[in-house]
Amino acid sequence: MLHDGDLQALGLTLRLAAVVTLLLLVVGTPIAWGLARSRAWWKGPVSALVALPLVLPPSVLGFYLLIAMGPEGWVGRLSQTLGWGLLPFTFWGLVLGSMVYALPFMVQPLQNAFEALGERPLEVAATLGAAPLDAFFSVVAPLALPGFVSACVLTFAHTVGEFGVVLMIGGNVPGLTRVVSVQIYDHVEALEYADAHRLAAVMLVFAFAVLLSLYAWQARARTRAGIGMGMGR
């Protein structure tokens, strides 16, 4: 059985992943759309910046985020000016750090989905008099639904499994910043291997179930698309 501390860490982790996924869906969609549609010089640098968390060690990213959120950092000064206080070692500090770290997992699947659509759907929508925003929500979004699903699932799952960034930014405050990965680390550090094994097994089953569901959904979506194309011929 999981201890109360384990259940508390699980609840906090799922809450963090849900909030990060929702916020990144709002923030990442226009970024992905701009990258998919643009041919400007800035596309390369912005794409590299978005993908940077994939290659940076989490401790490096967490360190610079911690400096930026500190009392002398620009994020820290802004948050204090707005009356929010300092973000390190708070839940919303974890949210901001996790958003930066998970950004490529939201943007890249969406960008690929948008690029795969091509220009034809938007051209047809424009000839029918649809405004750009209306065309996006009525044409692009439904066609790119598999990309949205993949992006949200991968972002959620990745946030659940974070360790280095959340430990640097949030520390280890029970009920506030102690997520599952940190809780497992605490169990191992205290030589509580049985407790670590139970919690790690839960996360292993969760990760496998999420990825299996995603792949099964993608396979069904491809099958439905193939049937639809066959019927249209």
Protein backbone atom coordinates (compact mmCIF):
# COMPACT_ATOMS: atom_id res chain seq x y z
CA MET A 1 0.00 0.00 0.00
CA LEU A 2 1.13 3.55 -0.68
CA HIS A 3 1.72 5.84 2.28
CA ASP A 4 -0.10 9.14 2.76
CA GLY A 5 3.01 10.99 1.62
CA ASP A 6 3.09 8.95 -1.58
CA LEU A 7 -0.57 9.66 -2.30
CA GLN A 8 0.00 13.34 -1.59
CA ALA A 9 2.93 13.39 -4.03
CA LEU A 10 0.84 11.58 -6.65
CA GLY A 11 -2.00 14.09 -6.35
CA LEU A 12 0.38 17.04 -6.57
CA THR A 13 2.13 15.53 -9.61
CA LEU A 14 -1.13 14.95 -11.50
CA ARG A 15 -2.30 18.47 -10.66
CA LEU A 16 0.99 19.93 -11.87
CA ALA A 17 0.89 17.93 -15.11
CA ALA A 18 -2.72 18.95 -15.81
CA VAL A 19 -2.06 22.67 -15.24
CA VAL A 20 1.15 22.62 -17.31
CA THR A 21 -0.55 20.78 -20.19
CA LEU A 22 -3.48 23.20 -20.27
CA LEU A 23 -1.28 26.30 -20.16
CA LEU A 24 1.15 24.95 -22.75
CA LEU A 25 -1.75 24.13 -25.06
CA VAL A 26 -2.66 27.82 -24.99
CA VAL A 27 0.93 29.06 -25.27
CA GLY A 28 2.35 26.38 -27.56
CA THR A 29 -0.37 26.37 -30.23
CA PRO A 30 0.37 29.86 -31.63
CA ILE A 31 4.12 29.17 -31.43
CA ALA A 32 3.72 25.93 -33.38
CA TRP A 33 1.42 27.61 -35.90
CA GLY A 34 3.87 30.46 -36.43
CA LEU A 35 6.79 28.06 -36.92
CA ALA A 36 4.77 25.88 -39.31
CA ARG A 37 3.65 28.81 -41.44
CA SER A 38 6.74 31.01 -41.40
CA ARG A 39 9.64 31.02 -43.84
CA ALA A 40 11.34 33.96 -42.14
CA TRP A 41 14.94 34.02 -40.94
CA TRP A 42 13.89 33.77 -37.30
CA LYS A 43 12.31 30.33 -37.72
CA GLY A 44 15.63 28.52 -37.21
CA PRO A 45 16.67 30.36 -34.03
CA VAL A 46 13.17 30.10 -32.49
CA SER A 47 12.97 26.38 -33.35
CA ALA A 48 16.37 25.83 -31.72
CA LEU A 49 15.28 27.79 -28.65
CA VAL A 50 12.09 25.74 -28.32
CA ALA A 51 14.02 22.47 -28.66
CA LEU A 52 16.78 23.52 -26.25
CA PRO A 53 15.27 21.70 -23.21
CA LEU A 54 15.65 18.42 -25.14
CA VAL A 55 19.45 18.63 -25.09
CA LEU A 56 20.21 20.73 -22.01
CA PRO A 57 20.84 18.84 -18.75
CA PRO A 58 17.82 19.44 -16.48
CA SER A 59 20.14 20.73 -13.74
CA VAL A 60 21.49 23.43 -16.08
CA LEU A 61 18.02 24.52 -17.15
CA GLY A 62 16.79 24.40 -13.55
CA PHE A 63 19.75 26.47 -12.35
CA TYR A 64 19.16 29.29 -14.83
CA LEU A 65 15.43 29.25 -14.17
CA LEU A 66 16.15 29.46 -10.45
CA ILE A 67 18.41 32.48 -11.04
CA ALA A 68 15.76 34.14 -13.26
CA MET A 69 13.07 33.60 -10.62
CA GLY A 70 15.25 34.78 -7.76
CA PRO A 71 15.09 38.23 -6.17
CA GLU A 72 17.65 39.64 -8.62
CA GLY A 73 16.32 37.87 -11.71
CA TRP A 74 13.98 39.50 -14.21
CA VAL A 75 11.20 37.00 -13.53
CA GLY A 76 11.62 37.46 -9.78
CA ARG A 77 11.50 41.23 -10.05
CA LEU A 78 8.40 41.06 -12.24
CA SER A 79 6.60 38.63 -9.91
CA GLN A 80 7.39 40.83 -6.91
CA THR A 81 6.23 43.94 -8.74
CA LEU A 82 2.94 42.21 -9.52
CA GLY A 83 2.56 41.24 -5.87
CA TRP A 84 3.02 37.51 -6.44
CA GLY A 85 6.19 37.21 -4.37
CA LEU A 86 9.08 34.96 -5.37
CA LEU A 87 8.27 31.80 -7.33
CA PRO A 88 11.05 29.37 -6.29
CA PHE A 89 9.90 26.65 -3.90
CA THR A 90 6.23 27.27 -4.73
CA PHE A 91 3.72 25.35 -6.83
CA TRP A 92 3.55 28.09 -9.46
CA GLY A 93 7.31 28.14 -9.67
CA LEU A 94 7.09 24.44 -10.52
CA VAL A 95 4.46 25.25 -13.14
CA LEU A 96 6.64 27.86 -14.84
CA GLY A 97 9.73 25.67 -14.80
CA SER A 98 7.81 22.65 -16.08
CA MET A 99 6.30 24.73 -18.89
CA VAL A 100 9.76 25.71 -20.10
CA TYR A 101 11.07 22.15 -19.80
CA ALA A 102 8.05 20.55 -21.53
CA LEU A 103 7.64 23.20 -24.26
CA PRO A 104 9.12 21.10 -27.11
CA PHE A 105 6.82 18.20 -26.27
CA MET A 106 3.85 20.45 -26.99
CA VAL A 107 5.20 22.55 -29.86
CA GLN A 108 6.92 19.96 -32.04
CA PRO A 109 3.99 17.52 -32.48
CA LEU A 110 1.68 20.46 -33.21
CA GLN A 111 4.15 21.97 -35.67
CA ASN A 112 4.46 18.65 -37.50
CA ALA A 113 0.67 18.30 -37.65
CA PHE A 114 0.23 21.83 -39.00
CA GLU A 115 2.95 21.38 -41.63
CA ALA A 116 1.40 18.09 -42.78
CA LEU A 117 -1.87 19.87 -43.62
CA GLY A 118 -0.32 21.94 -46.38
CA GLU A 119 -1.85 25.07 -47.86
CA ARG A 120 -4.91 23.58 -49.56
CA PRO A 121 -7.35 23.51 -46.60
CA LEU A 122 -6.68 27.16 -45.79
CA GLU A 123 -7.00 28.19 -49.42
CA VAL A 124 -10.39 26.48 -49.64
CA ALA A 125 -11.52 28.13 -46.40
CA ALA A 126 -10.39 31.53 -47.69
CA THR A 127 -12.35 31.11 -50.93
CA LEU A 128 -15.45 30.41 -48.82
CA GLY A 129 -14.95 33.67 -46.97
CA ALA A 130 -13.65 32.31 -43.67
CA ALA A 131 -11.58 34.68 -41.56
CA PRO A 132 -8.13 33.40 -40.48
CA LEU A 133 -9.20 32.72 -36.89
CA ASP A 134 -12.40 31.03 -38.00
CA ALA A 135 -10.48 28.92 -40.53
CA PHE A 136 -8.08 27.79 -37.83
CA PHE A 137 -10.76 26.60 -35.41
CA SER A 138 -13.16 25.19 -38.01
CA VAL A 139 -10.66 23.66 -40.46
CA VAL A 140 -7.13 23.40 -39.09
CA ALA A 141 -7.92 22.29 -35.54
CA PRO A 142 -10.17 19.33 -36.54
CA LEU A 143 -7.69 18.15 -39.17
CA ALA A 144 -4.78 18.46 -36.76
CA LEU A 145 -6.60 16.70 -33.91
CA PRO A 146 -4.13 13.75 -33.81
CA GLY A 147 -1.32 16.25 -33.34
CA PHE A 148 -3.17 17.96 -30.49
CA VAL A 149 -3.82 14.62 -28.77
CA SER A 150 -0.19 13.51 -29.14
CA ALA A 151 1.13 16.86 -27.91
CA CYS A 152 -1.11 16.89 -24.84
CA VAL A 153 -0.42 13.28 -23.91
CA LEU A 154 3.35 13.62 -24.31
CA THR A 155 3.40 16.91 -22.38
CA PHE A 156 1.35 15.45 -19.53
CA ALA A 157 3.43 12.28 -19.32
CA HIS A 158 6.72 14.16 -19.53
CA THR A 159 5.69 16.54 -16.75
CA VAL A 160 4.74 13.62 -14.53
CA GLY A 161 8.23 12.18 -14.93
CA GLU A 162 10.27 15.35 -14.33
CA PHE A 163 12.95 15.32 -11.64
CA GLY A 164 15.96 17.58 -12.13
CA VAL A 165 14.13 20.80 -12.99
CA VAL A 166 11.45 20.45 -10.33
CA LEU A 167 14.03 19.59 -7.67
CA MET A 168 16.13 22.67 -8.53
CA ILE A 169 13.15 25.03 -8.58
CA GLY A 170 10.79 23.50 -6.05
CA GLY A 171 13.07 21.78 -3.62
CA ASN A 172 11.39 19.18 -1.44
CA VAL A 173 8.46 20.75 0.40
CA PRO A 174 5.81 18.15 1.38
CA GLY A 175 2.38 18.92 -0.07
CA LEU A 176 3.69 21.91 -1.99
CA THR A 177 6.58 20.92 -4.29
CA ARG A 178 7.37 17.28 -3.46
CA VAL A 179 6.31 15.48 -6.63
CA VAL A 180 6.46 11.73 -7.27
CA SER A 181 9.98 11.69 -8.71
CA VAL A 182 11.31 13.55 -5.65
CA GLN A 183 9.34 11.27 -3.32
CA ILE A 184 10.95 8.20 -4.91
CA TYR A 185 14.37 9.81 -4.53
CA ASP A 186 13.64 10.43 -0.83
CA HIS A 187 12.67 6.78 -0.33
CA VAL A 188 15.90 5.58 -1.97
CA GLU A 189 18.00 8.06 0.00
CA ALA A 190 16.42 6.78 3.22
CA LEU A 191 17.03 3.15 2.13
CA GLU A 192 13.26 2.58 1.96
CA TYR A 193 13.55 0.41 -1.10
CA ALA A 194 10.19 -1.32 -0.71
CA ASP A 195 8.37 2.02 -0.62
CA ALA A 196 10.42 3.27 -3.58
CA HIS A 197 9.62 0.11 -5.51
CA ARG A 198 5.86 0.41 -4.95
CA LEU A 199 5.74 4.05 -6.03
CA ALA A 200 8.10 3.48 -8.97
CA ALA A 201 5.96 0.54 -10.11
CA VAL A 202 2.88 2.77 -10.12
CA MET A 203 4.69 5.28 -12.32
CA LEU A 204 5.99 2.54 -14.61
CA VAL A 205 2.48 1.15 -15.16
CA PHE A 206 1.12 4.68 -15.65
CA ALA A 207 3.74 5.60 -18.26
CA PHE A 208 3.23 2.35 -20.17
CA ALA A 209 -0.57 2.73 -20.12
CA VAL A 210 -0.39 6.32 -21.36
CA LEU A 211 1.94 5.47 -24.26
CA LEU A 212 -0.02 2.33 -25.16
CA SER A 213 -3.27 4.32 -25.23
CA LEU A 214 -1.67 6.99 -27.41
CA TYR A 215 -0.32 4.49 -29.93
CA ALA A 216 -3.64 2.61 -30.04
CA TRP A 217 -5.54 5.86 -30.63
CA GLN A 218 -3.13 6.89 -33.39
CA ALA A 219 -3.53 3.50 -35.08
CA ARG A 220 -7.32 3.80 -35.00
CA ALA A 221 -7.12 7.35 -36.35
CA ARG A 222 -4.92 6.23 -39.25
CA THR A 223 -7.32 3.37 -39.98
CA ARG A 224 -10.32 5.69 -40.02
CA ALA A 225 -8.45 8.12 -42.26
CA GLY A 226 -7.57 5.31 -44.68
CA ILE A 227 -11.18 4.13 -44.79
CA GLY A 228 -12.38 7.68 -45.41
CA MET A 229 -9.93 8.17 -48.27
CA GLY A 230 -10.96 4.83 -49.77
CA MET A 231 -14.64 5.73 -49.67
CA GLY A 232 -13.92 9.09 -51.26
CA ARG A 233 -12.40 7.56 -54.36
